C-alpha atoms as a PDB file:
ATOM      1  CA  MET A   1      24.937  23.284  10.218  1.00  0.00           C
ATOM      2  CA  PRO A   2      24.920  19.493   9.710  1.00  0.00           C
ATOM      3  CA  PHE A   3      24.591  18.308   6.100  1.00  0.00           C
ATOM      4  CA  GLU A   4      25.658  21.739   4.785  1.00  0.00           C
ATOM      5  CA  SER A   5      27.938  20.091   2.249  1.00  0.00           C
ATOM      6  CA  LEU A   6      25.096  18.161   0.620  1.00  0.00           C
ATOM      7  CA  SER A   7      24.242  19.362  -2.889  1.00  0.00           C
ATOM      8  CA  ALA A   8      20.697  20.015  -4.071  1.00  0.00           C
ATOM      9  CA  GLU A   9      20.839  16.897  -6.253  1.00  0.00           C
ATOM     10  CA  THR A  10      21.911  14.737  -3.310  1.00  0.00           C
ATOM     11  CA  LEU A  11      19.170  16.206  -1.136  1.00  0.00           C
ATOM     12  CA  GLY A  12      16.622  15.500  -3.858  1.00  0.00           C
ATOM     13  CA  ASN A  13      17.676  11.862  -4.007  1.00  0.00           C
ATOM     14  CA  ILE A  14      17.585  11.559  -0.210  1.00  0.00           C
ATOM     15  CA  TYR A  15      14.077  12.966   0.028  1.00  0.00           C
ATOM     16  CA  ILE A  16      12.715  10.983  -2.915  1.00  0.00           C
ATOM     17  CA  GLY A  17      14.171   7.888  -1.230  1.00  0.00           C
ATOM     18  CA  LEU A  18      12.440   8.769   2.047  1.00  0.00           C
ATOM     19  CA  LEU A  19       9.209   9.437   0.187  1.00  0.00           C
ATOM     20  CA  GLY A  20       9.484   6.086  -1.566  1.00  0.00           C
ATOM     21  CA  LEU A  21      10.173   4.301   1.725  1.00  0.00           C
ATOM     22  CA  ALA A  22       7.146   5.912   3.390  1.00  0.00           C
ATOM     23  CA  VAL A  23       4.838   5.040   0.484  1.00  0.00           C
ATOM     24  CA  LEU A  24       6.091   1.437   0.328  1.00  0.00           C
ATOM     25  CA  LEU A  25       5.697   0.859   4.064  1.00  0.00           C
ATOM     26  CA  TYR A  26       2.247   2.423   3.980  1.00  0.00           C
ATOM     27  CA  ALA A  27       1.186   0.237   1.045  1.00  0.00           C
ATOM     28  CA  VAL A  28       2.380  -2.909   2.821  1.00  0.00           C
ATOM     29  CA  LEU A  29       1.350  -2.163   6.404  1.00  0.00           C
ATOM     30  CA  ASP A  30      -1.883  -0.244   5.964  1.00  0.00           C
ATOM     31  CA  GLY A  31      -2.490  -2.315   2.837  1.00  0.00           C
ATOM     32  CA  TYR A  32      -3.095  -5.525   4.757  1.00  0.00           C
ATOM     33  CA  ASP A  33      -5.415  -3.926   7.311  1.00  0.00           C
ATOM     34  CA  LEU A  34      -7.365  -2.194   4.540  1.00  0.00           C
ATOM     35  CA  GLY A  35      -7.533  -5.585   2.842  1.00  0.00           C
ATOM     36  CA  VAL A  36      -8.935  -7.144   6.008  1.00  0.00           C
ATOM     37  CA  GLY A  37     -11.647  -4.479   5.979  1.00  0.00           C
ATOM     38  CA  VAL A  38     -12.470  -5.133   2.310  1.00  0.00           C
ATOM     39  CA  LEU A  39     -12.835  -8.851   3.089  1.00  0.00           C
ATOM     40  CA  PHE A  40     -15.281  -8.255   5.963  1.00  0.00           C
ATOM     41  CA  PRO A  41     -18.036 -10.930   5.565  1.00  0.00           C
ATOM     42  CA  PRO A  42     -21.608  -9.600   5.677  1.00  0.00           C
ATOM     43  CA  HIS A  43     -23.191 -12.012   8.164  1.00  0.00           C
ATOM     44  CA  ASN A  44     -20.576 -13.755  10.315  1.00  0.00           C
ATOM     45  CA  GLU A  45     -20.151 -11.770  13.535  1.00  0.00           C
ATOM     46  CA  GLN A  46     -17.473 -14.039  14.991  1.00  0.00           C
ATOM     47  CA  PHE A  47     -15.352 -13.733  11.840  1.00  0.00           C
ATOM     48  CA  LYS A  48     -15.639  -9.951  11.960  1.00  0.00           C
ATOM     49  CA  ASP A  49     -14.643  -9.793  15.629  1.00  0.00           C
ATOM     50  CA  ASP A  50     -11.616 -12.000  14.993  1.00  0.00           C
ATOM     51  CA  MET A  51     -10.620 -10.005  11.902  1.00  0.00           C
ATOM     52  CA  ILE A  52     -10.762  -6.746  13.837  1.00  0.00           C
ATOM     53  CA  ALA A  53      -8.695  -8.341  16.612  1.00  0.00           C
ATOM     54  CA  SER A  54      -6.019  -9.343  14.076  1.00  0.00           C
ATOM     55  CA  ILE A  55      -5.380  -5.716  13.087  1.00  0.00           C
ATOM     56  CA  GLY A  56      -6.369  -3.952  16.302  1.00  0.00           C
ATOM     57  CA  PRO A  57      -2.894  -3.342  17.778  1.00  0.00           C
ATOM     58  CA  TYR A  58      -1.390  -2.154  14.494  1.00  0.00           C
ATOM     59  CA  TRP A  59      -3.751  -0.156  12.309  1.00  0.00           C
ATOM     60  CA  ASP A  60      -3.241   3.279  13.899  1.00  0.00           C
ATOM     61  CA  ALA A  61       0.544   2.978  13.644  1.00  0.00           C
ATOM     62  CA  ASN A  62       0.302   1.790  10.041  1.00  0.00           C
ATOM     63  CA  GLU A  63      -1.356   5.032   8.936  1.00  0.00           C
ATOM     64  CA  THR A  64       1.579   7.031  10.321  1.00  0.00           C
ATOM     65  CA  TRP A  65       3.443   6.272   7.090  1.00  0.00           C
ATOM     66  CA  LEU A  66       0.751   7.974   4.997  1.00  0.00           C
ATOM     67  CA  VAL A  67       1.084  11.135   7.098  1.00  0.00           C
ATOM     68  CA  LEU A  68       4.868  10.999   6.713  1.00  0.00           C
ATOM     69  CA  ALA A  69       4.645  10.510   2.931  1.00  0.00           C
ATOM     70  CA  VAL A  70       2.299  13.478   2.463  1.00  0.00           C
ATOM     71  CA  GLY A  71       4.495  15.603   4.737  1.00  0.00           C
ATOM     72  CA  ILE A  72       7.650  14.785   2.773  1.00  0.00           C
ATOM     73  CA  LEU A  73       5.891  15.513  -0.517  1.00  0.00           C
ATOM     74  CA  LEU A  74       4.707  18.895   0.775  1.00  0.00           C
ATOM     75  CA  ILE A  75       8.034  19.920   2.312  1.00  0.00           C
ATOM     76  CA  ALA A  76      10.493  18.582  -0.244  1.00  0.00           C
ATOM     77  CA  PHE A  77       8.480  18.770  -3.476  1.00  0.00           C
ATOM     78  CA  PRO A  78       5.856  21.518  -2.995  1.00  0.00           C
ATOM     79  CA  GLN A  79       5.209  22.011  -6.714  1.00  0.00           C
ATOM     80  CA  ALA A  80       4.478  18.305  -7.164  1.00  0.00           C
ATOM     81  CA  HIS A  81       2.282  18.346  -4.041  1.00  0.00           C
ATOM     82  CA  SER A  82       0.298  21.238  -5.507  1.00  0.00           C
ATOM     83  CA  ASP A  83      -0.109  19.678  -8.952  1.00  0.00           C
ATOM     84  CA  ILE A  84      -1.091  16.273  -7.583  1.00  0.00           C
ATOM     85  CA  LEU A  85      -3.705  17.599  -5.161  1.00  0.00           C
ATOM     86  CA  GLN A  86      -5.146  20.038  -7.689  1.00  0.00           C
ATOM     87  CA  THR A  87      -5.755  17.143 -10.059  1.00  0.00           C
ATOM     88  CA  LEU A  88      -6.734  14.548  -7.463  1.00  0.00           C
ATOM     89  CA  TYR A  89      -8.559  16.552  -4.812  1.00  0.00           C
ATOM     90  CA  ILE A  90     -11.844  14.655  -5.380  1.00  0.00           C
ATOM     91  CA  PRO A  91     -10.435  11.104  -5.003  1.00  0.00           C
ATOM     92  CA  ALA A  92      -8.180  12.383  -2.184  1.00  0.00           C
ATOM     93  CA  THR A  93     -11.296  13.651  -0.405  1.00  0.00           C
ATOM     94  CA  PHE A  94     -12.987  10.278  -0.869  1.00  0.00           C
ATOM     95  CA  MET A  95      -9.895   8.551   0.492  1.00  0.00           C
ATOM     96  CA  LEU A  96      -9.938  10.731   3.610  1.00  0.00           C
ATOM     97  CA  LEU A  97     -13.656  10.095   4.073  1.00  0.00           C
ATOM     98  CA  GLY A  98     -12.986   6.377   3.857  1.00  0.00           C
ATOM     99  CA  LEU A  99     -10.189   6.576   6.420  1.00  0.00           C
ATOM    100  CA  ILE A 100     -12.367   8.642   8.764  1.00  0.00           C
ATOM    101  CA  LEU A 101     -15.240   6.185   8.373  1.00  0.00           C
ATOM    102  CA  ARG A 102     -12.903   3.298   9.182  1.00  0.00           C
ATOM    103  CA  GLY A 103     -11.553   5.001  12.292  1.00  0.00           C
ATOM    104  CA  VAL A 104     -14.974   5.888  13.647  1.00  0.00           C
ATOM    105  CA  SER A 105     -16.411   2.451  12.864  1.00  0.00           C
ATOM    106  CA  PHE A 106     -13.487   0.640  14.483  1.00  0.00           C
ATOM    107  CA  ASP A 107     -14.254   2.162  17.888  1.00  0.00           C
ATOM    108  CA  PHE A 108     -18.025   2.522  17.652  1.00  0.00           C
ATOM    109  CA  ARG A 109     -18.656  -1.114  16.718  1.00  0.00           C
ATOM    110  CA  ALA A 110     -17.262  -2.156  20.105  1.00  0.00           C
ATOM    111  CA  LYS A 111     -19.198   0.374  22.184  1.00  0.00           C
ATOM    112  CA  VAL A 112     -22.672   0.675  20.686  1.00  0.00           C
ATOM    113  CA  ALA A 113     -25.606  -1.605  21.436  1.00  0.00           C
ATOM    114  CA  GLN A 114     -25.322  -5.014  19.767  1.00  0.00           C
ATOM    115  CA  THR A 115     -28.297  -4.206  17.535  1.00  0.00           C
ATOM    116  CA  ASN A 116     -26.349  -1.312  15.990  1.00  0.00           C
ATOM    117  CA  LYS A 117     -23.040  -3.145  15.654  1.00  0.00           C
ATOM    118  CA  PRO A 118     -23.765  -4.534  12.122  1.00  0.00           C
ATOM    119  CA  LYS A 119     -24.277  -0.982  10.829  1.00  0.00           C
ATOM    120  CA  TRP A 120     -20.811   0.057  11.956  1.00  0.00           C
ATOM    121  CA  ASP A 121     -19.348  -3.177  10.559  1.00  0.00           C
ATOM    122  CA  THR A 122     -20.863  -2.235   7.193  1.00  0.00           C
ATOM    123  CA  CYS A 123     -19.381   1.246   7.508  1.00  0.00           C
ATOM    124  CA  PHE A 124     -15.967  -0.278   8.259  1.00  0.00           C
ATOM    125  CA  LYS A 125     -16.132  -2.517   5.191  1.00  0.00           C
ATOM    126  CA  TYR A 126     -17.245   0.188   2.790  1.00  0.00           C
ATOM    127  CA  GLY A 127     -14.908   2.759   4.324  1.00  0.00           C
ATOM    128  CA  SER A 128     -12.066   0.320   3.595  1.00  0.00           C
ATOM    129  CA  LEU A 129     -13.321  -0.275   0.053  1.00  0.00           C
ATOM    130  CA  LEU A 130     -13.701   3.454  -0.604  1.00  0.00           C
ATOM    131  CA  THR A 131     -10.130   4.033   0.599  1.00  0.00           C
ATOM    132  CA  THR A 132      -8.577   1.274  -1.529  1.00  0.00           C
ATOM    133  CA  LEU A 133     -10.444   2.263  -4.682  1.00  0.00           C
ATOM    134  CA  SER A 134      -9.507   5.917  -4.184  1.00  0.00           C
ATOM    135  CA  GLN A 135      -5.836   5.099  -3.651  1.00  0.00           C
ATOM    136  CA  GLY A 136      -5.760   2.866  -6.720  1.00  0.00           C
ATOM    137  CA  TYR A 137      -7.455   5.518  -8.840  1.00  0.00           C
ATOM    138  CA  MET A 138      -4.997   8.165  -7.627  1.00  0.00           C
ATOM    139  CA  LEU A 139      -2.062   5.877  -8.424  1.00  0.00           C
ATOM    140  CA  GLY A 140      -3.422   5.325 -11.930  1.00  0.00           C
ATOM    141  CA  ILE A 141      -3.820   9.042 -12.645  1.00  0.00           C
ATOM    142  CA  TRP A 142      -0.360   9.755 -11.208  1.00  0.00           C
ATOM    143  CA  VAL A 143       1.205   7.115 -13.464  1.00  0.00           C
ATOM    144  CA  THR A 144      -0.352   8.746 -16.542  1.00  0.00           C
ATOM    145  CA  GLY A 145       1.285  12.071 -15.603  1.00  0.00           C
ATOM    146  CA  LEU A 146      -1.933  13.523 -14.124  1.00  0.00           C
ATOM    147  CA  ARG A 147      -3.821  13.197 -17.389  1.00  0.00           C
ATOM    148  CA  THR A 148      -7.610  13.309 -17.272  1.00  0.00           C
ATOM    149  CA  ASP A 149      -8.598  12.050 -20.750  1.00  0.00           C
ATOM    150  CA  ILE A 150     -10.704   8.948 -21.316  1.00  0.00           C
ATOM    151  CA  TYR A 151      -7.682   6.642 -21.673  1.00  0.00           C
ATOM    152  CA  ALA A 152      -6.199   7.885 -18.416  1.00  0.00           C
ATOM    153  CA  GLN A 153      -9.552   7.398 -16.686  1.00  0.00           C
ATOM    154  CA  GLY A 154      -9.741   3.819 -17.950  1.00  0.00           C
ATOM    155  CA  PHE A 155      -6.221   3.084 -16.726  1.00  0.00           C
ATOM    156  CA  ALA A 156      -7.033   4.669 -13.350  1.00  0.00           C
ATOM    157  CA  LEU A 157     -10.147   2.513 -12.942  1.00  0.00           C
ATOM    158  CA  LEU A 158      -8.087  -0.595 -13.744  1.00  0.00           C
ATOM    159  CA  ALA A 159      -5.489   0.523 -11.181  1.00  0.00           C
ATOM    160  CA  ALA A 160      -8.258   1.043  -8.600  1.00  0.00           C
ATOM    161  CA  LEU A 161      -9.413  -2.547  -9.019  1.00  0.00           C
ATOM    162  CA  GLY A 162      -5.824  -3.828  -9.063  1.00  0.00           C
ATOM    163  CA  VAL A 163      -4.830  -2.046  -5.852  1.00  0.00           C
ATOM    164  CA  THR A 164      -8.014  -3.248  -4.126  1.00  0.00           C
ATOM    165  CA  ALA A 165      -7.242  -6.831  -5.177  1.00  0.00           C
ATOM    166  CA  ALA A 166      -3.640  -6.451  -3.978  1.00  0.00           C
ATOM    167  CA  TYR A 167      -4.749  -5.146  -0.584  1.00  0.00           C
ATOM    168  CA  ALA A 168      -7.358  -7.906  -0.250  1.00  0.00           C
ATOM    169  CA  PHE A 169      -4.714 -10.500  -1.144  1.00  0.00           C
ATOM    170  CA  ILE A 170      -2.177  -9.319   1.430  1.00  0.00           C
ATOM    171  CA  GLY A 171      -5.031  -8.925   3.947  1.00  0.00           C
ATOM    172  CA  ALA A 172      -6.038 -12.566   3.429  1.00  0.00           C
ATOM    173  CA  CYS A 173      -2.391 -13.634   3.832  1.00  0.00           C
ATOM    174  CA  TRP A 174      -2.258 -11.656   7.086  1.00  0.00           C
ATOM    175  CA  LEU A 175      -5.340 -13.490   8.360  1.00  0.00           C
ATOM    176  CA  ILE A 176      -3.687 -16.822   7.545  1.00  0.00           C
ATOM    177  CA  LEU A 177      -0.752 -15.737   9.695  1.00  0.00           C
ATOM    178  CA  LYS A 178      -2.731 -14.294  12.618  1.00  0.00           C
ATOM    179  CA  THR A 179      -5.890 -16.426  12.925  1.00  0.00           C
ATOM    180  CA  GLU A 180      -6.924 -20.044  13.413  1.00  0.00           C
ATOM    181  CA  GLY A 181      -9.828 -22.376  12.771  1.00  0.00           C
ATOM    182  CA  ASP A 182     -12.677 -21.588  10.405  1.00  0.00           C
ATOM    183  CA  LEU A 183     -11.573 -18.015   9.765  1.00  0.00           C
ATOM    184  CA  GLN A 184      -8.114 -19.165   8.713  1.00  0.00           C
ATOM    185  CA  THR A 185      -9.694 -21.733   6.395  1.00  0.00           C
ATOM    186  CA  LYS A 186     -11.827 -18.988   4.865  1.00  0.00           C
ATOM    187  CA  ALA A 187      -8.741 -16.784   4.516  1.00  0.00           C
ATOM    188  CA  PHE A 188      -7.099 -19.462   2.371  1.00  0.00           C
ATOM    189  CA  THR A 189     -10.089 -19.280   0.013  1.00  0.00           C
ATOM    190  CA  TRP A 190      -9.959 -15.473  -0.093  1.00  0.00           C
ATOM    191  CA  ALA A 191      -6.226 -15.501  -0.784  1.00  0.00           C
ATOM    192  CA  ARG A 192      -6.555 -17.938  -3.693  1.00  0.00           C
ATOM    193  CA  ARG A 193      -9.306 -15.879  -5.313  1.00  0.00           C
ATOM    194  CA  CYS A 194      -7.549 -12.546  -4.839  1.00  0.00           C
ATOM    195  CA  LEU A 195      -4.292 -14.018  -6.152  1.00  0.00           C
ATOM    196  CA  LEU A 196      -5.888 -14.705  -9.548  1.00  0.00           C
ATOM    197  CA  VAL A 197      -7.253 -11.159  -9.790  1.00  0.00           C
ATOM    198  CA  LEU A 198      -3.931  -9.703  -8.664  1.00  0.00           C
ATOM    199  CA  ALA A 199      -1.982 -11.705 -11.257  1.00  0.00           C
ATOM    200  CA  GLY A 200      -4.296 -10.450 -14.017  1.00  0.00           C
ATOM    201  CA  GLY A 201      -3.970  -6.882 -12.737  1.00  0.00           C
ATOM    202  CA  ILE A 202      -0.172  -7.004 -12.650  1.00  0.00           C
ATOM    203  CA  GLY A 203      -0.105  -8.343 -16.203  1.00  0.00           C
ATOM    204  CA  ALA A 204      -2.525  -5.731 -17.535  1.00  0.00           C
ATOM    205  CA  VAL A 205      -0.837  -2.803 -15.785  1.00  0.00           C
ATOM    206  CA  SER A 206       2.615  -3.980 -16.909  1.00  0.00           C
ATOM    207  CA  VAL A 207       1.548  -3.965 -20.564  1.00  0.00           C
ATOM    208  CA  LEU A 208      -0.429  -0.716 -20.424  1.00  0.00           C
ATOM    209  CA  ASN A 209       2.373   0.988 -18.517  1.00  0.00           C
ATOM    210  CA  LEU A 210       4.641   0.552 -21.548  1.00  0.00           C
ATOM    211  CA  LEU A 211       2.099   2.342 -23.743  1.00  0.00           C
ATOM    212  CA  LEU A 212       1.765   5.441 -21.571  1.00  0.00           C
ATOM    213  CA  HIS A 213       5.283   6.915 -21.675  1.00  0.00           C
ATOM    214  CA  ASN A 214       7.868   6.685 -24.442  1.00  0.00           C
ATOM    215  CA  GLU A 215      10.710   6.961 -21.914  1.00  0.00           C
ATOM    216  CA  VAL A 216       9.429   3.992 -19.906  1.00  0.00           C
ATOM    217  CA  ARG A 217       8.946   1.909 -23.041  1.00  0.00           C
ATOM    218  CA  ALA A 218      12.471   2.736 -24.228  1.00  0.00           C
ATOM    219  CA  LEU A 219      13.916   1.886 -20.806  1.00  0.00           C
ATOM    220  CA  TRP A 220      12.210  -1.507 -20.663  1.00  0.00           C
ATOM    221  CA  LEU A 221      12.437  -2.581 -24.305  1.00  0.00           C
ATOM    222  CA  ASP A 222      15.446  -0.846 -25.859  1.00  0.00           C
ATOM    223  CA  SER A 223      18.030  -0.196 -23.137  1.00  0.00           C
ATOM    224  CA  PRO A 224      20.564  -2.727 -21.814  1.00  0.00           C
ATOM    225  CA  LEU A 225      18.877  -2.373 -18.410  1.00  0.00           C
ATOM    226  CA  GLY A 226      15.663  -3.713 -19.942  1.00  0.00           C
ATOM    227  CA  LEU A 227      16.759  -7.345 -19.621  1.00  0.00           C
ATOM    228  CA  VAL A 228      17.331  -6.843 -15.916  1.00  0.00           C
ATOM    229  CA  LEU A 229      14.019  -5.044 -15.485  1.00  0.00           C
ATOM    230  CA  MET A 230      12.142  -7.813 -17.269  1.00  0.00           C
ATOM    231  CA  THR A 231      13.143 -10.152 -14.459  1.00  0.00           C
ATOM    232  CA  ILE A 232      10.876  -8.168 -12.096  1.00  0.00           C
ATOM    233  CA  PRO A 233       7.482  -9.120 -13.599  1.00  0.00           C
ATOM    234  CA  VAL A 234       8.786 -12.638 -14.321  1.00  0.00           C
ATOM    235  CA  THR A 235       9.816 -12.989 -10.673  1.00  0.00           C
ATOM    236  CA  CYS A 236       6.456 -11.593  -9.524  1.00  0.00           C
ATOM    237  CA  PHE A 237       4.535 -14.188 -11.517  1.00  0.00           C
ATOM    238  CA  GLY A 238       6.895 -16.898 -10.297  1.00  0.00           C
ATOM    239  CA  LEU A 239       6.224 -15.844  -6.698  1.00  0.00           C
ATOM    240  CA  LEU A 240       2.467 -15.824  -7.299  1.00  0.00           C
ATOM    241  CA  ILE A 241       2.635 -19.347  -8.736  1.00  0.00           C
ATOM    242  CA  LEU A 242       4.669 -20.403  -5.702  1.00  0.00           C
ATOM    243  CA  CYS A 243       2.099 -18.754  -3.428  1.00  0.00           C
ATOM    244  CA  ALA A 244      -0.732 -20.617  -5.173  1.00  0.00           C
ATOM    245  CA  LEU A 245       1.059 -23.911  -4.476  1.00  0.00           C
ATOM    246  CA  VAL A 246       1.710 -22.907  -0.872  1.00  0.00           C
ATOM    247  CA  LEU A 247      -1.945 -21.926  -0.364  1.00  0.00           C
ATOM    248  CA  LYS A 248      -2.982 -25.325  -1.684  1.00  0.00           C
ATOM    249  CA  LYS A 249      -0.712 -27.315   0.638  1.00  0.00           C
ATOM    250  CA  LEU A 250      -0.670 -25.235   3.842  1.00  0.00           C
ATOM    251  CA  PRO A 251      -4.164 -26.244   5.107  1.00  0.00           C
ATOM    252  CA  LYS A 252      -2.764 -29.776   5.515  1.00  0.00           C
ATOM    253  CA  ALA A 253       0.509 -28.658   7.121  1.00  0.00           C
ATOM    254  CA  GLU A 254      -0.872 -28.479  10.689  1.00  0.00           C
ATOM    255  CA  GLY A 255       0.174 -24.869  11.321  1.00  0.00           C
ATOM    256  CA  LYS A 256       3.623 -25.036   9.758  1.00  0.00           C
ATOM    257  CA  GLY A 257       4.712 -22.334   7.333  1.00  0.00           C
ATOM    258  CA  GLU A 258       1.742 -20.037   7.913  1.00  0.00           C
ATOM    259  CA  TRP A 259       4.070 -17.047   7.483  1.00  0.00           C
ATOM    260  CA  LEU A 260       4.934 -17.994   3.894  1.00  0.00           C
ATOM    261  CA  PRO A 261       1.933 -16.438   2.048  1.00  0.00           C
ATOM    262  CA  PHE A 262       2.400 -13.099   3.799  1.00  0.00           C
ATOM    263  CA  ALA A 263       6.162 -13.149   3.145  1.00  0.00           C
ATOM    264  CA  ILE A 264       5.546 -13.860  -0.545  1.00  0.00           C
ATOM    265  CA  ALA A 265       2.975 -11.058  -0.698  1.00  0.00           C
ATOM    266  CA  LEU A 266       5.541  -8.677   0.815  1.00  0.00           C
ATOM    267  CA  LEU A 267       8.092  -9.626  -1.848  1.00  0.00           C
ATOM    268  CA  VAL A 268       5.551  -9.060  -4.627  1.00  0.00           C
ATOM    269  CA  PHE A 269       4.704  -5.610  -3.241  1.00  0.00           C
ATOM    270  CA  VAL A 270       8.393  -4.680  -2.982  1.00  0.00           C
ATOM    271  CA  LEU A 271       9.141  -5.866  -6.524  1.00  0.00           C
ATOM    272  CA  CYS A 272       6.168  -4.027  -8.036  1.00  0.00           C
ATOM    273  CA  PHE A 273       7.122  -0.868  -6.163  1.00  0.00           C
ATOM    274  CA  GLY A 274      10.720  -1.246  -7.300  1.00  0.00           C
ATOM    275  CA  ALA A 275       9.582  -1.550 -10.912  1.00  0.00           C
ATOM    276  CA  PHE A 276       7.616   1.700 -10.605  1.00  0.00           C
ATOM    277  CA  GLY A 277      10.539   3.455  -8.934  1.00  0.00           C
ATOM    278  CA  VAL A 278      13.065   2.484 -11.586  1.00  0.00           C
ATOM    279  CA  SER A 279      10.654   3.193 -14.438  1.00  0.00           C
ATOM    280  CA  TYR A 280       9.831   6.758 -13.391  1.00  0.00           C
ATOM    281  CA  TYR A 281      13.047   7.975 -11.779  1.00  0.00           C
ATOM    282  CA  PRO A 282      13.913  10.903 -11.761  1.00  0.00           C
ATOM    283  CA  TYR A 283      10.303  12.085 -12.091  1.00  0.00           C
ATOM    284  CA  VAL A 284       8.092  13.057  -9.164  1.00  0.00           C
ATOM    285  CA  VAL A 285       5.180  13.442 -11.587  1.00  0.00           C
ATOM    286  CA  PRO A 286       5.787  11.079 -14.544  1.00  0.00           C
ATOM    287  CA  GLY A 287       6.580  12.953 -17.747  1.00  0.00           C
ATOM    288  CA  LYS A 288       6.066  16.372 -16.118  1.00  0.00           C
ATOM    289  CA  LEU A 289       8.121  17.213 -13.048  1.00  0.00           C
ATOM    290  CA  THR A 290      11.549  15.835 -12.243  1.00  0.00           C
ATOM    291  CA  ILE A 291      13.041  15.773  -8.767  1.00  0.00           C
ATOM    292  CA  MET A 292      15.079  18.907  -9.448  1.00  0.00           C
ATOM    293  CA  ASP A 293      12.119  20.736 -11.035  1.00  0.00           C
ATOM    294  CA  ALA A 294       9.970  20.200  -7.961  1.00  0.00           C
ATOM    295  CA  LEU A 295      12.644  20.382  -5.244  1.00  0.00           C
ATOM    296  CA  SER A 296      12.246  22.893  -2.431  1.00  0.00           C
ATOM    297  CA  ASP A 297      14.967  25.300  -1.274  1.00  0.00           C
ATOM    298  CA  ALA A 298      18.161  23.380  -0.520  1.00  0.00           C
ATOM    299  CA  ASN A 299      18.946  25.294   2.689  1.00  0.00           C
ATOM    300  CA  SER A 300      15.511  24.496   4.099  1.00  0.00           C
ATOM    301  CA  LEU A 301      15.910  20.835   3.202  1.00  0.00           C
ATOM    302  CA  ARG A 302      19.310  20.657   4.899  1.00  0.00           C
ATOM    303  CA  PHE A 303      17.787  22.081   8.070  1.00  0.00           C
ATOM    304  CA  LEU A 304      14.793  19.720   7.966  1.00  0.00           C
ATOM    305  CA  LEU A 305      17.033  16.733   7.356  1.00  0.00           C
ATOM    306  CA  VAL A 306      18.332  17.111  10.919  1.00  0.00           C
ATOM    307  CA  GLY A 307      14.849  16.356  12.233  1.00  0.00           C
ATOM    308  CA  THR A 308      14.193  13.725   9.604  1.00  0.00           C
ATOM    309  CA  VAL A 309      17.156  11.566  10.619  1.00  0.00           C
ATOM    310  CA  VAL A 310      15.693  11.498  14.128  1.00  0.00           C
ATOM    311  CA  VAL A 311      11.979  11.102  13.356  1.00  0.00           C
ATOM    312  CA  VAL A 312      12.120   8.389  10.681  1.00  0.00           C
ATOM    313  CA  PRO A 313      14.260   5.948  12.743  1.00  0.00           C
ATOM    314  CA  CYS A 314      11.946   6.554  15.725  1.00  0.00           C
ATOM    315  CA  ILE A 315       8.887   5.647  13.644  1.00  0.00           C
ATOM    316  CA  LEU A 316      10.679   2.571  12.291  1.00  0.00           C
ATOM    317  CA  ALA A 317      11.716   1.509  15.806  1.00  0.00           C
ATOM    318  CA  TYR A 318       8.183   2.024  17.122  1.00  0.00           C
ATOM    319  CA  THR A 319       6.735  -0.019  14.255  1.00  0.00           C
ATOM    320  CA  VAL A 320       9.168  -2.877  14.834  1.00  0.00           C
ATOM    321  CA  LEU A 321       8.467  -2.790  18.577  1.00  0.00           C
ATOM    322  CA  VAL A 322       4.697  -2.987  18.097  1.00  0.00           C
ATOM    323  CA  TYR A 323       4.998  -5.981  15.779  1.00  0.00           C
ATOM    324  CA  ARG A 324       7.360  -7.744  18.189  1.00  0.00           C
ATOM    325  CA  ILE A 325       5.106  -7.146  21.201  1.00  0.00           C
ATOM    326  CA  PHE A 326       1.994  -8.451  19.443  1.00  0.00           C
ATOM    327  CA  ALA A 327       3.675 -11.291  17.533  1.00  0.00           C
ATOM    328  CA  GLY A 328       1.874 -14.613  17.287  1.00  0.00           C
ATOM    329  CA  LYS A 329      -1.810 -15.362  16.910  1.00  0.00           C
ATOM    330  CA  SER A 330      -4.212 -12.510  17.619  1.00  0.00           C
ATOM    331  CA  GLN A 331      -6.155 -12.334  20.862  1.00  0.00           C
ATOM    332  CA  LYS A 332      -9.628 -11.006  21.497  1.00  0.00           C
ATOM    333  CA  LEU A 333      -9.644  -7.211  21.788  1.00  0.00           C
ATOM    334  CA  SER A 334     -10.799  -5.603  25.005  1.00  0.00           C
ATOM    335  CA  TYR A 335     -11.850  -1.937  25.200  1.00  0.00           C
ATOM    336  CA  TYR A 336     -12.405  -1.772  28.939  1.00  0.00           C
END
């Protein structure tokens, strides 16, 4: 059998790496289209049509990474999957409801009578908001080690607002890249506002994160690696300052450099995710379950890895292909 020489520890690291990749790509790719939904204006029909058109070719494929992440968690780390869902089944249910509401609204808004279209636009906006808040809350509870006390709840609520602001920020940057005219001008305003909230959220979460786990605090403040790790939040704030300057100057640049805000947002997401990964490795549930504690049977994982090395590259190739085909400014969607 292929991979039969791989040890359980090596398999654990491979699968936690795949899980991390799936979560990161989901946060970035579905993050911007969720952010576009959160930013949906209440009364401008043309803006809403153009915003939907900017994410139309991509949003279904983006959610593939969430399915992959949940599948890897279930297959490779079943104990962690059980503990996480037992604690978070209510916000997970709300997240699924939000995703379902988004999917239904996306199609119905284009096919119902024009008088009913605003209702489905409202459903799309609040389905997006429900999803982002639920994901942020779940992230906050996971970071605390699945605690449910009042302090953990407060941190989770802060994380819910922070994740929503992050998604709205990258969504606004996506609109700058994909749209033109008045909507692009409005997207600059949204991006500047969300950037301030995001910067405050990153700062607050970075400080509170050090108070939650002794191991994380020791890693960041007492270990030799701490000096290297400290460059991550410093770099994030430097990138956000750079992005603020770019957002100020780009409206006068006559279409040049419109990719810069989205590229900077991507770097910030990657750096924040990297900080979480380094801080909590080798835990699958911080402070509770390590990779080896939660790992499934090694023989099963070796067998499944054969399929994984085929499926994951196919999903990556499909994602790259979609973004290459629909590169450039968005066009009006047609359903007929």
